[in-house]
Amino acid sequence: MNKILIIEDDLEINALLADFLKEKGYAVHCQYDGLHVLDFLNKEKIDLIILDIMLPYRSGDIILSDVRKKFTIPVIIISAKETTQNKIDLLRLGADDYITKPFDMEVLARIESNLRRVQFQNSQTECLQYNNLTLDLEKNTAFLNGIELSLTAKEFGILELLMKYPDKVFSKSNLFQSVWDTEY
């Protein structure tokens, strides 16, 4: 059973979504502000997040940014902001989808679509191989000739990037921006 986290401060919308998704067979967790989202995600395996942008204490765009630093969970934004630029900004920030309020139950189709994509990606090999070098992406471990290598997170990230795109030439700034996720 897929687990969905709804982060929405409007009690009525939160309850409506939660009840609807429970009826469709999903396990649903609800939060009403942006304070403890990362703590919750560190404790509980969640398959998809439905995230409002205008939340008390911490806005949804900050939460999205924080989630993207550590997790690859699909995030669907639900927001009353319907400007094209706002949608573009949030998609570039890492949202997987964007639904404008008020919405109909098309949200179910979007959830199913995002979960299908993630399940397809996860069914792909979780290991990268080059000659005697193996990278286990699920366990974040690297092996050379069957011996485990001791790598920092950034070293692992660089190695993963190079092994995923073996025919691409990376400049120092490309590597920095891809692995450190900030301007060079």
N, C-alpha and C. Protein backbone atom coordinates (compact mmCIF):
# COMPACT_ATOMS: atom_id res chain seq x y z
N MET A 1 0.84 -1.17 0.00
CA MET A 1 0.00 0.00 0.00
C MET A 1 0.89 1.24 0.00
N ASN A 2 0.67 2.14 -0.95
CA ASN A 2 1.45 3.37 -1.04
C ASN A 2 1.04 4.34 0.06
N LYS A 3 2.05 5.02 0.62
CA LYS A 3 1.81 5.99 1.69
C LYS A 3 1.94 7.40 1.13
N ILE A 4 0.94 8.22 1.42
CA ILE A 4 0.92 9.60 0.94
C ILE A 4 0.89 10.54 2.13
N LEU A 5 1.72 11.57 2.07
CA LEU A 5 1.73 12.61 3.09
C LEU A 5 1.07 13.85 2.50
N ILE A 6 0.01 14.31 3.16
CA ILE A 6 -0.68 15.54 2.75
C ILE A 6 -0.24 16.64 3.70
N ILE A 7 0.31 17.71 3.15
CA ILE A 7 0.71 18.86 3.95
C ILE A 7 -0.14 20.04 3.47
N GLU A 8 -1.21 20.29 4.17
CA GLU A 8 -2.21 21.29 3.79
C GLU A 8 -2.80 21.87 5.07
N ASP A 9 -2.79 23.22 5.20
CA ASP A 9 -3.28 23.84 6.43
C ASP A 9 -4.80 24.00 6.46
N ASP A 10 -5.46 23.95 5.32
CA ASP A 10 -6.91 24.05 5.29
C ASP A 10 -7.49 22.71 5.73
N LEU A 11 -8.11 22.69 6.89
CA LEU A 11 -8.60 21.44 7.48
C LEU A 11 -9.58 20.72 6.57
N GLU A 12 -10.45 21.49 5.91
CA GLU A 12 -11.46 20.89 5.04
C GLU A 12 -10.83 20.22 3.83
N ILE A 13 -9.90 20.91 3.17
CA ILE A 13 -9.23 20.34 2.00
C ILE A 13 -8.40 19.13 2.41
N ASN A 14 -7.70 19.24 3.53
CA ASN A 14 -6.88 18.14 4.01
C ASN A 14 -7.74 16.91 4.26
N ALA A 15 -8.86 17.09 4.96
CA ALA A 15 -9.75 15.97 5.27
C ALA A 15 -10.38 15.39 4.00
N LEU A 16 -10.77 16.26 3.07
CA LEU A 16 -11.36 15.81 1.81
C LEU A 16 -10.38 14.93 1.05
N LEU A 17 -9.15 15.40 0.90
CA LEU A 17 -8.13 14.62 0.19
C LEU A 17 -7.83 13.32 0.91
N ALA A 18 -7.67 13.40 2.24
CA ALA A 18 -7.33 12.21 3.02
C ALA A 18 -8.42 11.15 2.90
N ASP A 19 -9.68 11.54 3.06
CA ASP A 19 -10.79 10.59 2.97
C ASP A 19 -10.87 9.97 1.57
N PHE A 20 -10.73 10.82 0.56
CA PHE A 20 -10.80 10.34 -0.82
C PHE A 20 -9.69 9.33 -1.10
N LEU A 21 -8.46 9.64 -0.68
CA LEU A 21 -7.34 8.75 -0.95
C LEU A 21 -7.42 7.46 -0.13
N LYS A 22 -7.94 7.55 1.08
CA LYS A 22 -8.12 6.33 1.89
C LYS A 22 -9.13 5.41 1.22
N GLU A 23 -10.19 5.99 0.65
CA GLU A 23 -11.18 5.19 -0.08
C GLU A 23 -10.56 4.48 -1.27
N LYS A 24 -9.54 5.09 -1.85
CA LYS A 24 -8.89 4.51 -3.03
C LYS A 24 -7.77 3.55 -2.65
N GLY A 25 -7.60 3.30 -1.35
CA GLY A 25 -6.65 2.29 -0.90
C GLY A 25 -5.27 2.79 -0.52
N TYR A 26 -5.11 4.07 -0.35
CA TYR A 26 -3.82 4.62 0.06
C TYR A 26 -3.77 4.79 1.58
N ALA A 27 -2.58 4.64 2.13
CA ALA A 27 -2.34 4.99 3.54
C ALA A 27 -2.02 6.48 3.54
N VAL A 28 -2.69 7.25 4.37
CA VAL A 28 -2.56 8.70 4.33
C VAL A 28 -2.11 9.23 5.69
N HIS A 29 -1.14 10.13 5.65
CA HIS A 29 -0.69 10.86 6.83
C HIS A 29 -0.93 12.34 6.55
N CYS A 30 -1.36 13.08 7.55
CA CYS A 30 -1.70 14.49 7.36
C CYS A 30 -0.86 15.38 8.27
N GLN A 31 -0.42 16.49 7.71
CA GLN A 31 0.21 17.54 8.49
C GLN A 31 -0.43 18.86 8.08
N TYR A 32 -0.43 19.80 9.01
CA TYR A 32 -1.18 21.04 8.79
C TYR A 32 -0.29 22.29 8.78
N ASP A 33 1.01 22.09 8.96
CA ASP A 33 1.96 23.20 8.87
C ASP A 33 3.29 22.63 8.38
N GLY A 34 4.26 23.49 8.22
CA GLY A 34 5.53 23.05 7.66
C GLY A 34 6.63 22.78 8.66
N LEU A 35 6.28 22.67 9.93
CA LEU A 35 7.32 22.60 10.96
C LEU A 35 8.09 21.28 11.02
N HIS A 36 7.43 20.16 11.00
CA HIS A 36 8.11 18.90 11.30
C HIS A 36 8.11 17.92 10.13
N VAL A 37 8.06 18.44 8.92
CA VAL A 37 7.98 17.58 7.74
C VAL A 37 9.23 16.71 7.61
N LEU A 38 10.41 17.31 7.71
CA LEU A 38 11.64 16.53 7.53
C LEU A 38 11.81 15.49 8.64
N ASP A 39 11.46 15.85 9.86
CA ASP A 39 11.52 14.88 10.95
C ASP A 39 10.64 13.68 10.64
N PHE A 40 9.44 13.95 10.15
CA PHE A 40 8.49 12.89 9.81
C PHE A 40 9.05 12.02 8.69
N LEU A 41 9.62 12.65 7.65
CA LEU A 41 10.15 11.89 6.51
C LEU A 41 11.36 11.05 6.90
N ASN A 42 12.12 11.50 7.88
CA ASN A 42 13.25 10.71 8.35
C ASN A 42 12.80 9.47 9.11
N LYS A 43 11.61 9.50 9.68
CA LYS A 43 11.10 8.38 10.47
C LYS A 43 10.21 7.44 9.66
N GLU A 44 9.49 7.98 8.70
CA GLU A 44 8.46 7.22 7.99
C GLU A 44 8.77 7.19 6.49
N LYS A 45 8.63 6.02 5.86
CA LYS A 45 8.82 5.93 4.42
C LYS A 45 7.53 6.38 3.73
N ILE A 46 7.64 7.43 2.97
CA ILE A 46 6.50 8.01 2.25
C ILE A 46 6.74 7.84 0.76
N ASP A 47 5.68 7.52 0.02
CA ASP A 47 5.82 7.30 -1.42
C ASP A 47 5.51 8.54 -2.25
N LEU A 48 4.74 9.49 -1.69
CA LEU A 48 4.37 10.69 -2.43
C LEU A 48 3.92 11.76 -1.45
N ILE A 49 4.22 13.01 -1.78
CA ILE A 49 3.82 14.14 -0.94
C ILE A 49 2.89 15.04 -1.74
N ILE A 50 1.79 15.44 -1.11
CA ILE A 50 0.93 16.49 -1.66
C ILE A 50 1.18 17.70 -0.78
N LEU A 51 1.64 18.79 -1.39
CA LEU A 51 2.16 19.93 -0.64
C LEU A 51 1.49 21.23 -1.04
N ASP A 52 0.92 21.91 -0.06
CA ASP A 52 0.40 23.26 -0.27
C ASP A 52 1.58 24.22 -0.16
N ILE A 53 1.50 25.36 -0.80
CA ILE A 53 2.59 26.33 -0.75
C ILE A 53 2.42 27.31 0.41
N MET A 54 1.22 27.79 0.62
CA MET A 54 0.99 28.78 1.68
C MET A 54 0.64 28.06 2.98
N LEU A 55 1.67 27.81 3.77
CA LEU A 55 1.52 27.08 5.03
C LEU A 55 1.98 27.96 6.19
N PRO A 56 1.45 27.72 7.37
CA PRO A 56 1.96 28.46 8.53
C PRO A 56 3.36 27.96 8.93
N TYR A 57 4.14 28.87 9.46
CA TYR A 57 5.48 28.62 10.02
C TYR A 57 6.58 28.41 8.99
N ARG A 58 6.38 27.55 8.01
CA ARG A 58 7.36 27.34 6.94
C ARG A 58 6.59 27.18 5.64
N SER A 59 6.96 27.95 4.65
CA SER A 59 6.23 27.90 3.38
C SER A 59 6.56 26.61 2.61
N GLY A 60 5.66 26.26 1.73
CA GLY A 60 5.82 25.05 0.94
C GLY A 60 7.04 25.05 0.05
N ASP A 61 7.43 26.22 -0.49
CA ASP A 61 8.61 26.23 -1.35
C ASP A 61 9.88 25.94 -0.56
N ILE A 62 9.94 26.39 0.69
CA ILE A 62 11.10 26.06 1.54
C ILE A 62 11.10 24.58 1.87
N ILE A 63 9.92 24.04 2.18
CA ILE A 63 9.81 22.61 2.46
C ILE A 63 10.24 21.80 1.24
N LEU A 64 9.76 22.20 0.06
CA LEU A 64 10.13 21.51 -1.18
C LEU A 64 11.64 21.50 -1.37
N SER A 65 12.25 22.65 -1.18
CA SER A 65 13.70 22.76 -1.32
C SER A 65 14.41 21.83 -0.34
N ASP A 66 13.96 21.81 0.90
CA ASP A 66 14.57 20.94 1.92
C ASP A 66 14.37 19.46 1.59
N VAL A 67 13.18 19.11 1.13
CA VAL A 67 12.90 17.73 0.77
C VAL A 67 13.81 17.29 -0.37
N ARG A 68 13.99 18.14 -1.37
CA ARG A 68 14.81 17.79 -2.53
C ARG A 68 16.29 17.60 -2.18
N LYS A 69 16.74 18.21 -1.11
CA LYS A 69 18.14 18.04 -0.70
C LYS A 69 18.42 16.63 -0.21
N LYS A 70 17.38 15.93 0.26
CA LYS A 70 17.61 14.63 0.89
C LYS A 70 16.79 13.49 0.29
N PHE A 71 15.64 13.79 -0.32
CA PHE A 71 14.73 12.74 -0.76
C PHE A 71 14.38 12.90 -2.24
N THR A 72 14.00 11.77 -2.86
CA THR A 72 13.55 11.80 -4.25
C THR A 72 12.06 11.49 -4.36
N ILE A 73 11.36 11.65 -3.26
CA ILE A 73 9.92 11.39 -3.20
C ILE A 73 9.20 12.32 -4.18
N PRO A 74 8.26 11.81 -4.97
CA PRO A 74 7.48 12.70 -5.82
C PRO A 74 6.67 13.70 -4.98
N VAL A 75 6.66 14.95 -5.43
CA VAL A 75 5.93 16.01 -4.73
C VAL A 75 4.97 16.66 -5.71
N ILE A 76 3.69 16.64 -5.34
CA ILE A 76 2.66 17.31 -6.13
C ILE A 76 2.25 18.56 -5.36
N ILE A 77 2.40 19.71 -5.98
CA ILE A 77 2.01 20.98 -5.37
C ILE A 77 0.52 21.21 -5.61
N ILE A 78 -0.18 21.60 -4.56
CA ILE A 78 -1.55 22.09 -4.72
C ILE A 78 -1.56 23.51 -4.18
N SER A 79 -1.97 24.45 -5.00
CA SER A 79 -1.88 25.85 -4.60
C SER A 79 -2.95 26.69 -5.28
N ALA A 80 -3.32 27.76 -4.59
CA ALA A 80 -4.25 28.72 -5.18
C ALA A 80 -3.53 29.66 -6.14
N LYS A 81 -2.21 29.71 -6.05
CA LYS A 81 -1.44 30.55 -6.97
C LYS A 81 -1.44 29.89 -8.34
N GLU A 82 -1.98 30.61 -9.32
CA GLU A 82 -2.10 29.98 -10.62
C GLU A 82 -1.31 30.69 -11.72
N THR A 83 -0.37 31.55 -11.36
CA THR A 83 0.43 32.20 -12.39
C THR A 83 1.40 31.20 -13.00
N THR A 84 1.62 31.35 -14.27
CA THR A 84 2.52 30.46 -14.98
C THR A 84 3.93 30.52 -14.39
N GLN A 85 4.38 31.72 -14.05
CA GLN A 85 5.73 31.86 -13.50
C GLN A 85 5.87 31.12 -12.17
N ASN A 86 4.84 31.18 -11.34
CA ASN A 86 4.88 30.47 -10.07
C ASN A 86 4.99 28.96 -10.29
N LYS A 87 4.23 28.44 -11.25
CA LYS A 87 4.29 27.02 -11.57
C LYS A 87 5.68 26.64 -12.07
N ILE A 88 6.23 27.45 -12.96
CA ILE A 88 7.56 27.19 -13.51
C ILE A 88 8.60 27.19 -12.39
N ASP A 89 8.53 28.19 -11.52
CA ASP A 89 9.50 28.28 -10.42
C ASP A 89 9.46 27.04 -9.53
N LEU A 90 8.27 26.58 -9.19
CA LEU A 90 8.15 25.41 -8.31
C LEU A 90 8.56 24.12 -9.01
N LEU A 91 8.26 24.00 -10.28
CA LEU A 91 8.71 22.82 -11.03
C LEU A 91 10.23 22.81 -11.13
N ARG A 92 10.82 23.96 -11.33
CA ARG A 92 12.29 24.05 -11.38
C ARG A 92 12.91 23.79 -10.01
N LEU A 93 12.20 24.12 -8.96
CA LEU A 93 12.68 23.89 -7.61
C LEU A 93 12.64 22.41 -7.25
N GLY A 94 11.87 21.63 -7.99
CA GLY A 94 11.86 20.19 -7.75
C GLY A 94 10.50 19.54 -7.64
N ALA A 95 9.43 20.31 -7.82
CA ALA A 95 8.09 19.71 -7.80
C ALA A 95 7.94 18.79 -9.00
N ASP A 96 7.18 17.73 -8.83
CA ASP A 96 6.95 16.80 -9.92
C ASP A 96 5.67 17.13 -10.69
N ASP A 97 4.76 17.84 -10.03
CA ASP A 97 3.49 18.18 -10.65
C ASP A 97 2.90 19.38 -9.91
N TYR A 98 1.92 20.03 -10.52
CA TYR A 98 1.32 21.23 -9.95
C TYR A 98 -0.17 21.22 -10.26
N ILE A 99 -0.99 21.33 -9.23
CA ILE A 99 -2.44 21.38 -9.40
C ILE A 99 -2.94 22.67 -8.77
N THR A 100 -3.76 23.40 -9.50
CA THR A 100 -4.29 24.67 -9.00
C THR A 100 -5.61 24.44 -8.28
N LYS A 101 -5.74 25.08 -7.11
CA LYS A 101 -7.01 25.04 -6.36
C LYS A 101 -7.97 26.03 -7.00
N PRO A 102 -9.24 25.81 -6.98
CA PRO A 102 -9.88 24.57 -6.55
C PRO A 102 -9.65 23.49 -7.60
N PHE A 103 -9.51 22.27 -7.17
CA PHE A 103 -9.23 21.17 -8.08
C PHE A 103 -10.32 20.13 -7.97
N ASP A 104 -10.44 19.34 -9.03
CA ASP A 104 -11.37 18.21 -8.95
C ASP A 104 -10.54 16.98 -8.60
N MET A 105 -11.10 15.86 -8.69
CA MET A 105 -10.38 14.68 -8.26
C MET A 105 -9.42 14.14 -9.33
N GLU A 106 -9.03 15.03 -10.27
CA GLU A 106 -7.96 14.67 -11.20
C GLU A 106 -6.68 14.40 -10.42
N VAL A 107 -6.65 14.84 -9.17
CA VAL A 107 -5.49 14.63 -8.32
C VAL A 107 -5.17 13.14 -8.25
N LEU A 108 -6.17 12.28 -8.28
CA LEU A 108 -5.93 10.83 -8.23
C LEU A 108 -5.13 10.38 -9.45
N ALA A 109 -5.49 10.84 -10.63
CA ALA A 109 -4.77 10.46 -11.85
C ALA A 109 -3.33 10.94 -11.79
N ARG A 110 -3.12 12.12 -11.24
CA ARG A 110 -1.75 12.65 -11.13
C ARG A 110 -0.93 11.87 -10.10
N ILE A 111 -1.57 11.47 -9.02
CA ILE A 111 -0.89 10.65 -8.02
C ILE A 111 -0.48 9.31 -8.64
N GLU A 112 -1.43 8.68 -9.31
CA GLU A 112 -1.15 7.38 -9.94
C GLU A 112 -0.04 7.50 -10.97
N SER A 113 -0.06 8.56 -11.75
CA SER A 113 0.96 8.79 -12.76
C SER A 113 2.35 8.94 -12.14
N ASN A 114 2.44 9.75 -11.09
CA ASN A 114 3.73 9.96 -10.44
C ASN A 114 4.23 8.68 -9.75
N LEU A 115 3.35 7.95 -9.12
CA LEU A 115 3.75 6.69 -8.47
C LEU A 115 4.19 5.66 -9.49
N ARG A 116 3.51 5.61 -10.64
CA ARG A 116 3.90 4.69 -11.72
C ARG A 116 5.31 5.00 -12.21
N ARG A 117 5.59 6.29 -12.40
CA ARG A 117 6.91 6.71 -12.87
C ARG A 117 7.99 6.29 -11.89
N VAL A 118 7.75 6.53 -10.60
CA VAL A 118 8.74 6.19 -9.58
C VAL A 118 8.93 4.68 -9.50
N GLN A 119 7.84 3.93 -9.56
CA GLN A 119 7.95 2.47 -9.50
C GLN A 119 8.70 1.93 -10.71
N PHE A 120 8.51 2.55 -11.88
CA PHE A 120 9.25 2.14 -13.07
C PHE A 120 10.73 2.42 -12.88
N GLN A 121 11.06 3.60 -12.38
CA GLN A 121 12.46 3.96 -12.15
C GLN A 121 13.10 3.04 -11.12
N ASN A 122 12.34 2.70 -10.08
CA ASN A 122 12.88 1.82 -9.04
C ASN A 122 13.03 0.39 -9.53
N SER A 123 12.25 0.00 -10.54
CA SER A 123 12.38 -1.35 -11.07
C SER A 123 13.62 -1.48 -11.94
N GLN A 124 14.13 -0.34 -12.37
CA GLN A 124 15.38 -0.36 -13.13
C GLN A 124 16.50 -0.76 -12.18
N THR A 125 17.60 -1.13 -12.72
CA THR A 125 18.71 -1.59 -11.89
C THR A 125 19.12 -0.53 -10.88
N GLU A 126 19.35 -0.97 -9.67
CA GLU A 126 19.77 -0.06 -8.60
C GLU A 126 21.29 -0.05 -8.47
N CYS A 127 21.99 -0.72 -9.41
CA CYS A 127 23.44 -0.77 -9.38
C CYS A 127 23.99 -0.26 -10.71
N LEU A 128 25.10 0.42 -10.63
CA LEU A 128 25.83 0.84 -11.82
C LEU A 128 27.12 0.04 -11.86
N GLN A 129 27.53 -0.35 -13.06
CA GLN A 129 28.69 -1.22 -13.19
C GLN A 129 29.61 -0.68 -14.27
N TYR A 130 30.91 -0.63 -13.99
CA TYR A 130 31.90 -0.33 -15.01
C TYR A 130 33.13 -1.17 -14.70
N ASN A 131 33.45 -2.08 -15.59
CA ASN A 131 34.54 -3.04 -15.36
C ASN A 131 34.38 -3.66 -13.98
N ASN A 132 35.36 -3.46 -13.10
CA ASN A 132 35.32 -4.07 -11.76
C ASN A 132 34.78 -3.12 -10.70
N LEU A 133 34.21 -2.01 -11.12
CA LEU A 133 33.66 -1.02 -10.19
C LEU A 133 32.14 -1.13 -10.19
N THR A 134 31.56 -1.32 -9.01
CA THR A 134 30.11 -1.44 -8.86
C THR A 134 29.62 -0.40 -7.87
N LEU A 135 28.56 0.30 -8.24
CA LEU A 135 27.95 1.29 -7.36
C LEU A 135 26.54 0.81 -7.03
N ASP A 136 26.27 0.59 -5.75
CA ASP A 136 24.94 0.20 -5.29
C ASP A 136 24.22 1.47 -4.86
N LEU A 137 23.29 1.94 -5.69
CA LEU A 137 22.62 3.20 -5.44
C LEU A 137 21.64 3.12 -4.29
N GLU A 138 21.11 1.95 -4.02
CA GLU A 138 20.16 1.80 -2.94
C GLU A 138 20.86 1.87 -1.58
N LYS A 139 22.04 1.28 -1.49
CA LYS A 139 22.77 1.24 -0.22
C LYS A 139 23.87 2.30 -0.13
N ASN A 140 24.07 3.06 -1.23
CA ASN A 140 25.12 4.08 -1.29
C ASN A 140 26.48 3.50 -0.95
N THR A 141 26.80 2.39 -1.59
CA THR A 141 28.10 1.75 -1.40
C THR A 141 28.76 1.53 -2.75
N ALA A 142 30.08 1.51 -2.73
CA ALA A 142 30.86 1.29 -3.94
C ALA A 142 31.83 0.14 -3.69
N PHE A 143 32.02 -0.71 -4.71
CA PHE A 143 32.91 -1.85 -4.60
C PHE A 143 33.85 -1.86 -5.80
N LEU A 144 35.13 -2.08 -5.54
CA LEU A 144 36.13 -2.25 -6.59
C LEU A 144 36.74 -3.62 -6.39
N ASN A 145 36.62 -4.48 -7.40
CA ASN A 145 37.08 -5.87 -7.31
C ASN A 145 36.50 -6.57 -6.08
N GLY A 146 35.24 -6.26 -5.75
CA GLY A 146 34.57 -6.91 -4.63
C GLY A 146 34.90 -6.35 -3.26
N ILE A 147 35.78 -5.36 -3.22
CA ILE A 147 36.18 -4.75 -1.94
C ILE A 147 35.46 -3.41 -1.81
N GLU A 148 34.80 -3.21 -0.66
CA GLU A 148 34.04 -1.98 -0.46
C GLU A 148 34.98 -0.78 -0.32
N LEU A 149 34.63 0.28 -1.03
CA LEU A 149 35.40 1.52 -0.96
C LEU A 149 34.81 2.44 0.10
N SER A 150 35.64 3.16 0.77
CA SER A 150 35.19 4.13 1.78
C SER A 150 35.14 5.50 1.10
N LEU A 151 33.92 5.96 0.80
CA LEU A 151 33.74 7.23 0.08
C LEU A 151 32.89 8.18 0.91
N THR A 152 33.18 9.48 0.79
CA THR A 152 32.31 10.48 1.38
C THR A 152 31.05 10.59 0.51
N ALA A 153 30.04 11.27 1.00
CA ALA A 153 28.81 11.43 0.23
C ALA A 153 29.07 12.17 -1.08
N LYS A 154 29.92 13.18 -1.04
CA LYS A 154 30.22 13.95 -2.26
C LYS A 154 31.02 13.11 -3.25
N GLU A 155 31.97 12.32 -2.76
CA GLU A 155 32.73 11.44 -3.65
C GLU A 155 31.81 10.43 -4.31
N PHE A 156 30.88 9.88 -3.52
CA PHE A 156 29.91 8.94 -4.07
C PHE A 156 29.04 9.64 -5.13
N GLY A 157 28.62 10.87 -4.84
CA GLY A 157 27.81 11.63 -5.79
C GLY A 157 28.53 11.88 -7.10
N ILE A 158 29.81 12.22 -7.02
CA ILE A 158 30.60 12.46 -8.23
C ILE A 158 30.73 11.17 -9.03
N LEU A 159 31.06 10.08 -8.33
CA LEU A 159 31.20 8.79 -8.99
C LEU A 159 29.90 8.34 -9.65
N GLU A 160 28.79 8.53 -8.94
CA GLU A 160 27.48 8.18 -9.48
C GLU A 160 27.19 8.98 -10.75
N LEU A 161 27.44 10.28 -10.71
CA LEU A 161 27.19 11.13 -11.87
C LEU A 161 28.04 10.69 -13.06
N LEU A 162 29.30 10.41 -12.83
CA LEU A 162 30.19 9.99 -13.92
C LEU A 162 29.78 8.63 -14.48
N MET A 163 29.31 7.74 -13.61
CA MET A 163 28.91 6.41 -14.10
C MET A 163 27.55 6.43 -14.78
N LYS A 164 26.66 7.34 -14.38
CA LYS A 164 25.36 7.44 -15.04
C LYS A 164 25.49 8.02 -16.44
N TYR A 165 26.46 8.89 -16.63
CA TYR A 165 26.64 9.56 -17.92
C TYR A 165 28.08 9.36 -18.40
N PRO A 166 28.43 8.14 -18.77
CA PRO A 166 29.83 7.84 -19.11
C PRO A 166 30.34 8.53 -20.37
N ASP A 167 29.46 8.94 -21.25
CA ASP A 167 29.89 9.57 -22.49
C ASP A 167 29.90 11.09 -22.42
N LYS A 168 29.59 11.63 -21.26
CA LYS A 168 29.52 13.09 -21.11
C LYS A 168 30.81 13.60 -20.47
N VAL A 169 31.27 14.72 -20.96
CA VAL A 169 32.44 15.38 -20.38
C VAL A 169 31.94 16.45 -19.42
N PHE A 170 32.39 16.39 -18.17
CA PHE A 170 31.97 17.34 -17.15
C PHE A 170 33.10 18.32 -16.85
N SER A 171 32.75 19.60 -16.82
CA SER A 171 33.71 20.59 -16.35
C SER A 171 33.66 20.60 -14.83
N LYS A 172 34.61 21.30 -14.22
CA LYS A 172 34.63 21.41 -12.77
C LYS A 172 33.34 22.07 -12.28
N SER A 173 32.88 23.09 -13.00
CA SER A 173 31.66 23.78 -12.58
C SER A 173 30.43 22.87 -12.75
N ASN A 174 30.39 22.04 -13.83
CA ASN A 174 29.29 21.07 -14.00
C ASN A 174 29.22 20.13 -12.81
N LEU A 175 30.36 19.58 -12.44
CA LEU A 175 30.40 18.64 -11.31
C LEU A 175 29.96 19.33 -10.03
N PHE A 176 30.46 20.53 -9.82
CA PHE A 176 30.12 21.25 -8.59
C PHE A 176 28.63 21.52 -8.52
N GLN A 177 28.06 22.03 -9.60
CA GLN A 177 26.64 22.37 -9.61
C GLN A 177 25.77 21.12 -9.50
N SER A 178 26.18 20.01 -10.10
CA SER A 178 25.39 18.78 -10.07
C SER A 178 25.44 18.11 -8.70
N VAL A 179 26.60 18.06 -8.08
CA VAL A 179 26.76 17.32 -6.83
C VAL A 179 26.47 18.19 -5.61
N TRP A 180 26.95 19.43 -5.63
CA TRP A 180 26.73 20.32 -4.48
C TRP A 180 25.41 21.07 -4.58
N ASP A 181 24.80 21.05 -5.78
CA ASP A 181 23.50 21.66 -6.00
C ASP A 181 23.48 23.15 -5.64
N THR A 182 24.54 23.83 -6.04
CA THR A 182 24.63 25.27 -5.81
C THR A 182 25.49 25.88 -6.93
N GLU A 183 25.48 27.19 -7.01
CA GLU A 183 26.26 27.87 -8.04
C GLU A 183 27.75 27.65 -7.81
N TYR A 184 28.50 27.52 -8.90
CA TYR A 184 29.95 27.35 -8.83
C TYR A 184 30.60 28.69 -8.58
